[in-house]
């Protein structure tokens, strides 16, 4: 769907990592980008729009958690993903 794909392996701590906050933020960012493209074409898809808002809120909470743990990891994460904040 989206032209901008994120290399999720770059955010893993080890090979089997799927639960770290940085990986989850990267995964949510990719899903948000894909859903945003979908909603550009399907403007009346209200349930997907709600799902998008839920994902954005979850990503924001994960970023806040990361910022509380380590400011430098937070800065690195938002710069890699190209997020504003």
PDB file of N, CA and C in Angstrom:
ATOM      1  N   UNK A   1       0.803  -1.196   0.000  1.00  0.00           N
ATOM      2  CA  UNK A   1       0.000   0.000   0.000  1.00  0.00           C
ATOM      3  C   UNK A   1       0.851   1.268   0.000  1.00  0.00           C
ATOM      4  N   UNK A   2       1.629   1.403   1.045  1.00  0.00           N
ATOM      5  CA  UNK A   2       2.407   2.617   1.223  1.00  0.00           C
ATOM      6  C   UNK A   2       3.783   2.496   0.562  1.00  0.00           C
ATOM      7  N   UNK A   3       4.249   3.603   0.019  1.00  0.00           N
ATOM      8  CA  UNK A   3       5.570   3.611  -0.599  1.00  0.00           C
ATOM      9  C   UNK A   3       6.681   3.646   0.435  1.00  0.00           C
ATOM     10  N   UNK A   4       6.397   4.212   1.585  1.00  0.00           N
ATOM     11  CA  UNK A   4       7.404   4.306   2.635  1.00  0.00           C
ATOM     12  C   UNK A   4       7.288   3.116   3.566  1.00  0.00           C
ATOM     13  N   UNK A   5       8.220   2.196   3.426  1.00  0.00           N
ATOM     14  CA  UNK A   5       8.231   1.045   4.320  1.00  0.00           C
ATOM     15  C   UNK A   5       9.383   1.202   5.293  1.00  0.00           C
ATOM     16  N   UNK A   6       9.165   0.709   6.474  1.00  0.00           N
ATOM     17  CA  UNK A   6      10.149   0.808   7.547  1.00  0.00           C
ATOM     18  C   UNK A   6      10.816  -0.544   7.696  1.00  0.00           C
ATOM     19  N   UNK A   7      12.134  -0.550   7.821  1.00  0.00           N
ATOM     20  CA  UNK A   7      12.866  -1.780   8.090  1.00  0.00           C
ATOM     21  C   UNK A   7      12.720  -2.095   9.576  1.00  0.00           C
ATOM     22  N   UNK A   8      11.793  -2.997   9.896  1.00  0.00           N
ATOM     23  CA  UNK A   8      11.488  -3.292  11.297  1.00  0.00           C
ATOM     24  C   UNK A   8      12.635  -3.998  12.004  1.00  0.00           C
ATOM     25  N   UNK A   9      13.481  -4.727  11.267  1.00  0.00           N
ATOM     26  CA  UNK A   9      14.616  -5.419  11.883  1.00  0.00           C
ATOM     27  C   UNK A   9      15.586  -4.440  12.549  1.00  0.00           C
ATOM     28  N   UNK A  10      15.601  -3.230  12.067  1.00  0.00           N
ATOM     29  CA  UNK A  10      16.484  -2.190  12.603  1.00  0.00           C
ATOM     30  C   UNK A  10      16.120  -1.826  14.051  1.00  0.00           C
ATOM     31  N   UNK A  11      14.866  -2.079  14.442  1.00  0.00           N
ATOM     32  CA  UNK A  11      14.392  -1.675  15.761  1.00  0.00           C
ATOM     33  C   UNK A  11      14.360  -2.823  16.758  1.00  0.00           C
ATOM     34  N   UNK A  12      14.718  -4.017  16.326  1.00  0.00           N
ATOM     35  CA  UNK A  12      14.720  -5.173  17.213  1.00  0.00           C
ATOM     36  C   UNK A  12      15.969  -5.175  18.090  1.00  0.00           C
ATOM     37  N   UNK A  13      15.812  -5.612  19.323  1.00  0.00           N
ATOM     38  CA  UNK A  13      16.945  -5.743  20.236  1.00  0.00           C
ATOM     39  C   UNK A  13      17.701  -7.025  19.929  1.00  0.00           C
ATOM     40  N   UNK A  14      16.946  -8.110  19.666  1.00  0.00           N
ATOM     41  CA  UNK A  14      17.542  -9.363  19.232  1.00  0.00           C
ATOM     42  C   UNK A  14      16.652  -9.964  18.145  1.00  0.00           C
ATOM     43  N   UNK A  15      16.990 -11.140  17.651  1.00  0.00           N
ATOM     44  CA  UNK A  15      16.295 -11.727  16.503  1.00  0.00           C
ATOM     45  C   UNK A  15      14.818 -12.023  16.780  1.00  0.00           C
ATOM     46  N   UNK A  16      14.499 -12.438  18.009  1.00  0.00           N
ATOM     47  CA  UNK A  16      13.129 -12.824  18.332  1.00  0.00           C
ATOM     48  C   UNK A  16      12.327 -11.700  18.984  1.00  0.00           C
ATOM     49  N   UNK A  17      12.847 -10.502  19.003  1.00  0.00           N
ATOM     50  CA  UNK A  17      12.211  -9.379  19.680  1.00  0.00           C
ATOM     51  C   UNK A  17      10.954  -8.927  18.933  1.00  0.00           C
ATOM     52  N   UNK A  18       9.826  -8.958  19.636  1.00  0.00           N
ATOM     53  CA  UNK A  18       8.594  -8.381  19.111  1.00  0.00           C
ATOM     54  C   UNK A  18       7.902  -7.527  20.164  1.00  0.00           C
ATOM     55  N   UNK A  19       8.469  -7.468  21.365  1.00  0.00           N
ATOM     56  CA  UNK A  19       7.783  -6.797  22.458  1.00  0.00           C
ATOM     57  C   UNK A  19       8.419  -5.522  22.949  1.00  0.00           C
ATOM     58  N   UNK A  20       9.615  -5.201  22.490  1.00  0.00           N
ATOM     59  CA  UNK A  20      10.252  -3.981  22.989  1.00  0.00           C
ATOM     60  C   UNK A  20       9.479  -2.760  22.514  1.00  0.00           C
ATOM     61  N   UNK A  21       9.534  -1.703  23.285  1.00  0.00           N
ATOM     62  CA  UNK A  21       8.780  -0.496  22.972  1.00  0.00           C
ATOM     63  C   UNK A  21       9.210   0.102  21.633  1.00  0.00           C
ATOM     64  N   UNK A  22      10.505   0.089  21.340  1.00  0.00           N
ATOM     65  CA  UNK A  22      10.965   0.670  20.079  1.00  0.00           C
ATOM     66  C   UNK A  22      10.438  -0.119  18.883  1.00  0.00           C
ATOM     67  N   UNK A  23      10.403  -1.445  18.983  1.00  0.00           N
ATOM     68  CA  UNK A  23       9.863  -2.264  17.893  1.00  0.00           C
ATOM     69  C   UNK A  23       8.369  -2.022  17.728  1.00  0.00           C
ATOM     70  N   UNK A  24       7.648  -1.954  18.845  1.00  0.00           N
ATOM     71  CA  UNK A  24       6.205  -1.729  18.769  1.00  0.00           C
ATOM     72  C   UNK A  24       5.877  -0.368  18.173  1.00  0.00           C
ATOM     73  N   UNK A  25       6.655   0.649  18.513  1.00  0.00           N
ATOM     74  CA  UNK A  25       6.441   1.979  17.949  1.00  0.00           C
ATOM     75  C   UNK A  25       6.684   1.950  16.443  1.00  0.00           C
ATOM     76  N   UNK A  26       7.746   1.268  16.012  1.00  0.00           N
ATOM     77  CA  UNK A  26       8.037   1.171  14.578  1.00  0.00           C
ATOM     78  C   UNK A  26       6.926   0.424  13.848  1.00  0.00           C
ATOM     79  N   UNK A  27       6.436  -0.664  14.435  1.00  0.00           N
ATOM     80  CA  UNK A  27       5.363  -1.439  13.828  1.00  0.00           C
ATOM     81  C   UNK A  27       4.076  -0.613  13.737  1.00  0.00           C
ATOM     82  N   UNK A  28       3.744   0.093  14.805  1.00  0.00           N
ATOM     83  CA  UNK A  28       2.558   0.950  14.781  1.00  0.00           C
ATOM     84  C   UNK A  28       2.703   2.067  13.758  1.00  0.00           C
ATOM     85  N   UNK A  29       3.893   2.613  13.626  1.00  0.00           N
ATOM     86  CA  UNK A  29       4.130   3.669  12.646  1.00  0.00           C
ATOM     87  C   UNK A  29       3.881   3.154  11.238  1.00  0.00           C
ATOM     88  N   UNK A  30       4.344   1.942  10.945  1.00  0.00           N
ATOM     89  CA  UNK A  30       4.119   1.343   9.631  1.00  0.00           C
ATOM     90  C   UNK A  30       2.628   1.111   9.386  1.00  0.00           C
ATOM     91  N   UNK A  31       1.936   0.576  10.388  1.00  0.00           N
ATOM     92  CA  UNK A  31       0.496   0.313  10.251  1.00  0.00           C
ATOM     93  C   UNK A  31      -0.295   1.607  10.103  1.00  0.00           C
ATOM     94  N   UNK A  32       0.116   2.663  10.821  1.00  0.00           N
ATOM     95  CA  UNK A  32      -0.547   3.963  10.718  1.00  0.00           C
ATOM     96  C   UNK A  32      -0.373   4.529   9.314  1.00  0.00           C
ATOM     97  N   UNK A  33       0.822   4.407   8.757  1.00  0.00           N
ATOM     98  CA  UNK A  33       1.072   4.904   7.403  1.00  0.00           C
ATOM     99  C   UNK A  33       0.220   4.155   6.381  1.00  0.00           C
ATOM    100  N   UNK A  34       0.133   2.840   6.526  1.00  0.00           N
ATOM    101  CA  UNK A  34      -0.683   2.040   5.611  1.00  0.00           C
ATOM    102  C   UNK A  34      -2.166   2.408   5.714  1.00  0.00           C
ATOM    103  N   UNK A  35      -2.640   2.557   6.937  1.00  0.00           N
ATOM    104  CA  UNK A  35      -4.045   2.883   7.134  1.00  0.00           C
ATOM    105  C   UNK A  35      -4.368   4.297   6.660  1.00  0.00           C
ATOM    106  N   UNK A  36      -3.430   5.195   6.787  1.00  0.00           N
ATOM    107  CA  UNK A  36      -3.621   6.554   6.295  1.00  0.00           C
ATOM    108  C   UNK A  36      -3.803   6.552   4.781  1.00  0.00           C
ATOM    109  N   UNK A  37      -3.003   5.760   4.083  1.00  0.00           N
ATOM    110  CA  UNK A  37      -3.151   5.633   2.628  1.00  0.00           C
ATOM    111  C   UNK A  37      -4.517   5.042   2.279  1.00  0.00           C
ATOM    112  N   UNK A  38      -4.949   4.047   3.036  1.00  0.00           N
ATOM    113  CA  UNK A  38      -6.251   3.428   2.803  1.00  0.00           C
ATOM    114  C   UNK A  38      -7.370   4.455   2.969  1.00  0.00           C
ATOM    115  N   UNK A  39      -7.262   5.291   4.004  1.00  0.00           N
ATOM    116  CA  UNK A  39      -8.314   6.257   4.285  1.00  0.00           C
ATOM    117  C   UNK A  39      -8.337   7.406   3.276  1.00  0.00           C
ATOM    118  N   UNK A  40      -7.225   7.643   2.590  1.00  0.00           N
ATOM    119  CA  UNK A  40      -7.230   8.655   1.535  1.00  0.00           C
ATOM    120  C   UNK A  40      -8.123   8.218   0.377  1.00  0.00           C
ATOM    121  N   UNK A  41      -8.167   6.920   0.139  1.00  0.00           N
ATOM    122  CA  UNK A  41      -8.990   6.382  -0.944  1.00  0.00           C
ATOM    123  C   UNK A  41     -10.419   6.086  -0.496  1.00  0.00           C
ATOM    124  N   UNK A  42     -10.591   5.722   0.773  1.00  0.00           N
ATOM    125  CA  UNK A  42     -11.891   5.319   1.299  1.00  0.00           C
ATOM    126  C   UNK A  42     -12.309   6.272   2.414  1.00  0.00           C
ATOM    127  N   UNK A  43     -12.772   7.441   2.021  1.00  0.00           N
ATOM    128  CA  UNK A  43     -13.045   8.509   2.971  1.00  0.00           C
ATOM    129  C   UNK A  43     -14.190   8.196   3.942  1.00  0.00           C
ATOM    130  N   UNK A  44     -15.080   7.298   3.570  1.00  0.00           N
ATOM    131  CA  UNK A  44     -16.241   7.006   4.412  1.00  0.00           C
ATOM    132  C   UNK A  44     -16.033   5.804   5.336  1.00  0.00           C
ATOM    133  N   UNK A  45     -14.852   5.269   5.383  1.00  0.00           N
ATOM    134  CA  UNK A  45     -14.558   4.109   6.213  1.00  0.00           C
ATOM    135  C   UNK A  45     -14.328   4.556   7.658  1.00  0.00           C
ATOM    136  N   UNK A  46     -15.431   4.698   8.385  1.00  0.00           N
ATOM    137  CA  UNK A  46     -15.389   5.275   9.724  1.00  0.00           C
ATOM    138  C   UNK A  46     -14.746   4.323  10.723  1.00  0.00           C
ATOM    139  N   UNK A  47     -15.001   3.021  10.595  1.00  0.00           N
ATOM    140  CA  UNK A  47     -14.447   2.084  11.569  1.00  0.00           C
ATOM    141  C   UNK A  47     -12.925   2.009  11.464  1.00  0.00           C
ATOM    142  N   UNK A  48     -12.393   2.107  10.253  1.00  0.00           N
ATOM    143  CA  UNK A  48     -10.942   2.120  10.096  1.00  0.00           C
ATOM    144  C   UNK A  48     -10.344   3.423  10.625  1.00  0.00           C
ATOM    145  N   UNK A  49     -11.088   4.509  10.489  1.00  0.00           N
ATOM    146  CA  UNK A  49     -10.625   5.793  11.018  1.00  0.00           C
ATOM    147  C   UNK A  49     -10.517   5.726  12.540  1.00  0.00           C
ATOM    148  N   UNK A  50     -11.475   5.069  13.188  1.00  0.00           N
ATOM    149  CA  UNK A  50     -11.422   4.902  14.638  1.00  0.00           C
ATOM    150  C   UNK A  50     -10.223   4.039  15.022  1.00  0.00           C
ATOM    151  N   UNK A  51      -9.979   2.979  14.251  1.00  0.00           N
ATOM    152  CA  UNK A  51      -8.818   2.127  14.494  1.00  0.00           C
ATOM    153  C   UNK A  51      -7.525   2.904  14.368  1.00  0.00           C
ATOM    154  N   UNK A  52      -7.477   3.813  13.417  1.00  0.00           N
ATOM    155  CA  UNK A  52      -6.299   4.670  13.241  1.00  0.00           C
ATOM    156  C   UNK A  52      -6.074   5.525  14.484  1.00  0.00           C
ATOM    157  N   UNK A  53      -7.131   6.110  15.000  1.00  0.00           N
ATOM    158  CA  UNK A  53      -7.000   6.950  16.194  1.00  0.00           C
ATOM    159  C   UNK A  53      -6.538   6.141  17.398  1.00  0.00           C
ATOM    160  N   UNK A  54      -7.021   4.902  17.515  1.00  0.00           N
ATOM    161  CA  UNK A  54      -6.595   4.034  18.607  1.00  0.00           C
ATOM    162  C   UNK A  54      -5.102   3.726  18.478  1.00  0.00           C
ATOM    163  N   UNK A  55      -4.646   3.439  17.252  1.00  0.00           N
ATOM    164  CA  UNK A  55      -3.222   3.139  17.028  1.00  0.00           C
ATOM    165  C   UNK A  55      -2.340   4.347  17.326  1.00  0.00           C
ATOM    166  N   UNK A  56      -2.791   5.528  16.931  1.00  0.00           N
ATOM    167  CA  UNK A  56      -2.016   6.751  17.194  1.00  0.00           C
ATOM    168  C   UNK A  56      -1.888   6.970  18.696  1.00  0.00           C
ATOM    169  N   UNK A  57      -2.974   6.741  19.440  1.00  0.00           N
ATOM    170  CA  UNK A  57      -2.932   6.913  20.900  1.00  0.00           C
ATOM    171  C   UNK A  57      -1.994   5.892  21.538  1.00  0.00           C
ATOM    172  N   UNK A  58      -2.043   4.656  21.052  1.00  0.00           N
ATOM    173  CA  UNK A  58      -1.173   3.608  21.598  1.00  0.00           C
ATOM    174  C   UNK A  58       0.290   3.935  21.324  1.00  0.00           C
ATOM    175  N   UNK A  59       0.586   4.443  20.116  1.00  0.00           N
ATOM    176  CA  UNK A  59       1.964   4.821  19.784  1.00  0.00           C
ATOM    177  C   UNK A  59       2.429   5.972  20.676  1.00  0.00           C
ATOM    178  N   UNK A  60       1.549   6.931  20.923  1.00  0.00           N
ATOM    179  CA  UNK A  60       1.897   8.063  21.782  1.00  0.00           C
ATOM    180  C   UNK A  60       2.248   7.578  23.192  1.00  0.00           C
ATOM    181  N   UNK A  61       1.472   6.616  23.722  1.00  0.00           N
ATOM    182  CA  UNK A  61       1.751   6.072  25.046  1.00  0.00           C
ATOM    183  C   UNK A  61       3.090   5.350  25.064  1.00  0.00           C
ATOM    184  N   UNK A  62       3.374   4.594  24.015  1.00  0.00           N
ATOM    185  CA  UNK A  62       4.655   3.881  23.930  1.00  0.00           C
ATOM    186  C   UNK A  62       5.820   4.869  23.856  1.00  0.00           C
ATOM    187  N   UNK A  63       5.637   5.947  23.104  1.00  0.00           N
ATOM    188  CA  UNK A  63       6.693   6.962  23.015  1.00  0.00           C
ATOM    189  C   UNK A  63       6.905   7.651  24.358  1.00  0.00           C
ATOM    190  N   UNK A  64       5.821   7.911  25.075  1.00  0.00           N
ATOM    191  CA  UNK A  64       5.948   8.514  26.408  1.00  0.00           C
ATOM    192  C   UNK A  64       6.692   7.584  27.353  1.00  0.00           C
ATOM    193  N   UNK A  65       6.402   6.283  27.266  1.00  0.00           N
ATOM    194  CA  UNK A  65       7.094   5.291  28.080  1.00  0.00           C
ATOM    195  C   UNK A  65       8.590   5.285  27.766  1.00  0.00           C
ATOM    196  N   UNK A  66       8.906   5.281  26.475  1.00  0.00           N
ATOM    197  CA  UNK A  66      10.308   5.269  26.042  1.00  0.00           C
ATOM    198  C   UNK A  66      11.022   6.530  26.518  1.00  0.00           C
ATOM    199  N   UNK A  67      10.342   7.663  26.432  1.00  0.00           N
ATOM    200  CA  UNK A  67      10.941   8.920  26.871  1.00  0.00           C
ATOM    201  C   UNK A  67      11.230   8.905  28.369  1.00  0.00           C
ATOM    202  N   UNK A  68      10.336   8.291  29.141  1.00  0.00           N
ATOM    203  CA  UNK A  68      10.532   8.195  30.586  1.00  0.00           C
ATOM    204  C   UNK A  68      11.697   7.302  30.952  1.00  0.00           C
ATOM    205  N   UNK A  69      11.939   6.260  30.157  1.00  0.00           N
ATOM    206  CA  UNK A  69      13.038   5.337  30.418  1.00  0.00           C
ATOM    207  C   UNK A  69      14.380   5.912  29.981  1.00  0.00           C
ATOM    208  N   UNK A  70      14.413   6.475  28.761  1.00  0.00           N
ATOM    209  CA  UNK A  70      15.680   6.968  28.231  1.00  0.00           C
ATOM    210  C   UNK A  70      15.418   8.058  27.197  1.00  0.00           C
ATOM    211  N   UNK A  71      15.809   9.273  27.519  1.00  0.00           N
ATOM    212  CA  UNK A  71      15.602  10.409  26.623  1.00  0.00           C
ATOM    213  C   UNK A  71      16.356  10.244  25.307  1.00  0.00           C
ATOM    214  N   UNK A  72      17.597   9.713  25.386  1.00  0.00           N
ATOM    215  CA  UNK A  72      18.380   9.575  24.147  1.00  0.00           C
ATOM    216  C   UNK A  72      17.797   8.501  23.220  1.00  0.00           C
ATOM    217  N   UNK A  73      17.260   7.402  23.785  1.00  0.00           N
ATOM    218  CA  UNK A  73      16.616   6.391  22.941  1.00  0.00           C
ATOM    219  C   UNK A  73      15.353   6.957  22.301  1.00  0.00           C
ATOM    220  N   UNK A  74      14.639   7.781  23.042  1.00  0.00           N
ATOM    221  CA  UNK A  74      13.439   8.439  22.519  1.00  0.00           C
ATOM    222  C   UNK A  74      13.797   9.340  21.337  1.00  0.00           C
ATOM    223  N   UNK A  75      14.813  10.178  21.512  1.00  0.00           N
ATOM    224  CA  UNK A  75      15.229  11.085  20.435  1.00  0.00           C
ATOM    225  C   UNK A  75      15.688  10.308  19.209  1.00  0.00           C
ATOM    226  N   UNK A  76      16.435   9.229  19.441  1.00  0.00           N
ATOM    227  CA  UNK A  76      16.909   8.395  18.339  1.00  0.00           C
ATOM    228  C   UNK A  76      15.729   7.756  17.599  1.00  0.00           C
ATOM    229  N   UNK A  77      14.749   7.301  18.345  1.00  0.00           N
ATOM    230  CA  UNK A  77      13.592   6.622  17.766  1.00  0.00           C
ATOM    231  C   UNK A  77      12.765   7.579  16.907  1.00  0.00           C
ATOM    232  N   UNK A  78      12.471   8.767  17.406  1.00  0.00           N
ATOM    233  CA  UNK A  78      11.647   9.680  16.609  1.00  0.00           C
ATOM    234  C   UNK A  78      12.409  10.223  15.400  1.00  0.00           C
ATOM    235  N   UNK A  79      13.741  10.330  15.513  1.00  0.00           N
ATOM    236  CA  UNK A  79      14.494  10.785  14.352  1.00  0.00           C
ATOM    237  C   UNK A  79      14.571   9.692  13.281  1.00  0.00           C
ATOM    238  N   UNK A  80      14.725   8.431  13.690  1.00  0.00           N
ATOM    239  CA  UNK A  80      14.747   7.329  12.721  1.00  0.00           C
ATOM    240  C   UNK A  80      13.423   7.175  11.991  1.00  0.00           C
ATOM    241  N   UNK A  81      12.335   7.363  12.734  1.00  0.00           N
ATOM    242  CA  UNK A  81      11.010   7.169  12.159  1.00  0.00           C
ATOM    243  C   UNK A  81      10.471   8.431  11.478  1.00  0.00           C
ATOM    244  N   UNK A  82      11.133   9.544  11.715  1.00  0.00           N
ATOM    245  CA  UNK A  82      10.689  10.793  11.089  1.00  0.00           C
ATOM    246  C   UNK A  82       9.417  11.333  11.701  1.00  0.00           C
ATOM    247  N   UNK A  83       9.242  11.153  13.013  1.00  0.00           N
ATOM    248  CA  UNK A  83       8.046  11.628  13.682  1.00  0.00           C
ATOM    249  C   UNK A  83       8.266  13.041  14.187  1.00  0.00           C
ATOM    250  N   UNK A  84       7.183  13.801  14.244  1.00  0.00           N
ATOM    251  CA  UNK A  84       7.265  15.151  14.813  1.00  0.00           C
ATOM    252  C   UNK A  84       6.936  15.068  16.291  1.00  0.00           C
ATOM    253  N   UNK A  85       7.595  15.870  17.081  1.00  0.00           N
ATOM    254  CA  UNK A  85       7.291  15.963  18.504  1.00  0.00           C
ATOM    255  C   UNK A  85       8.343  16.793  19.175  1.00  0.00           C
TER     256      UNK A  85
END
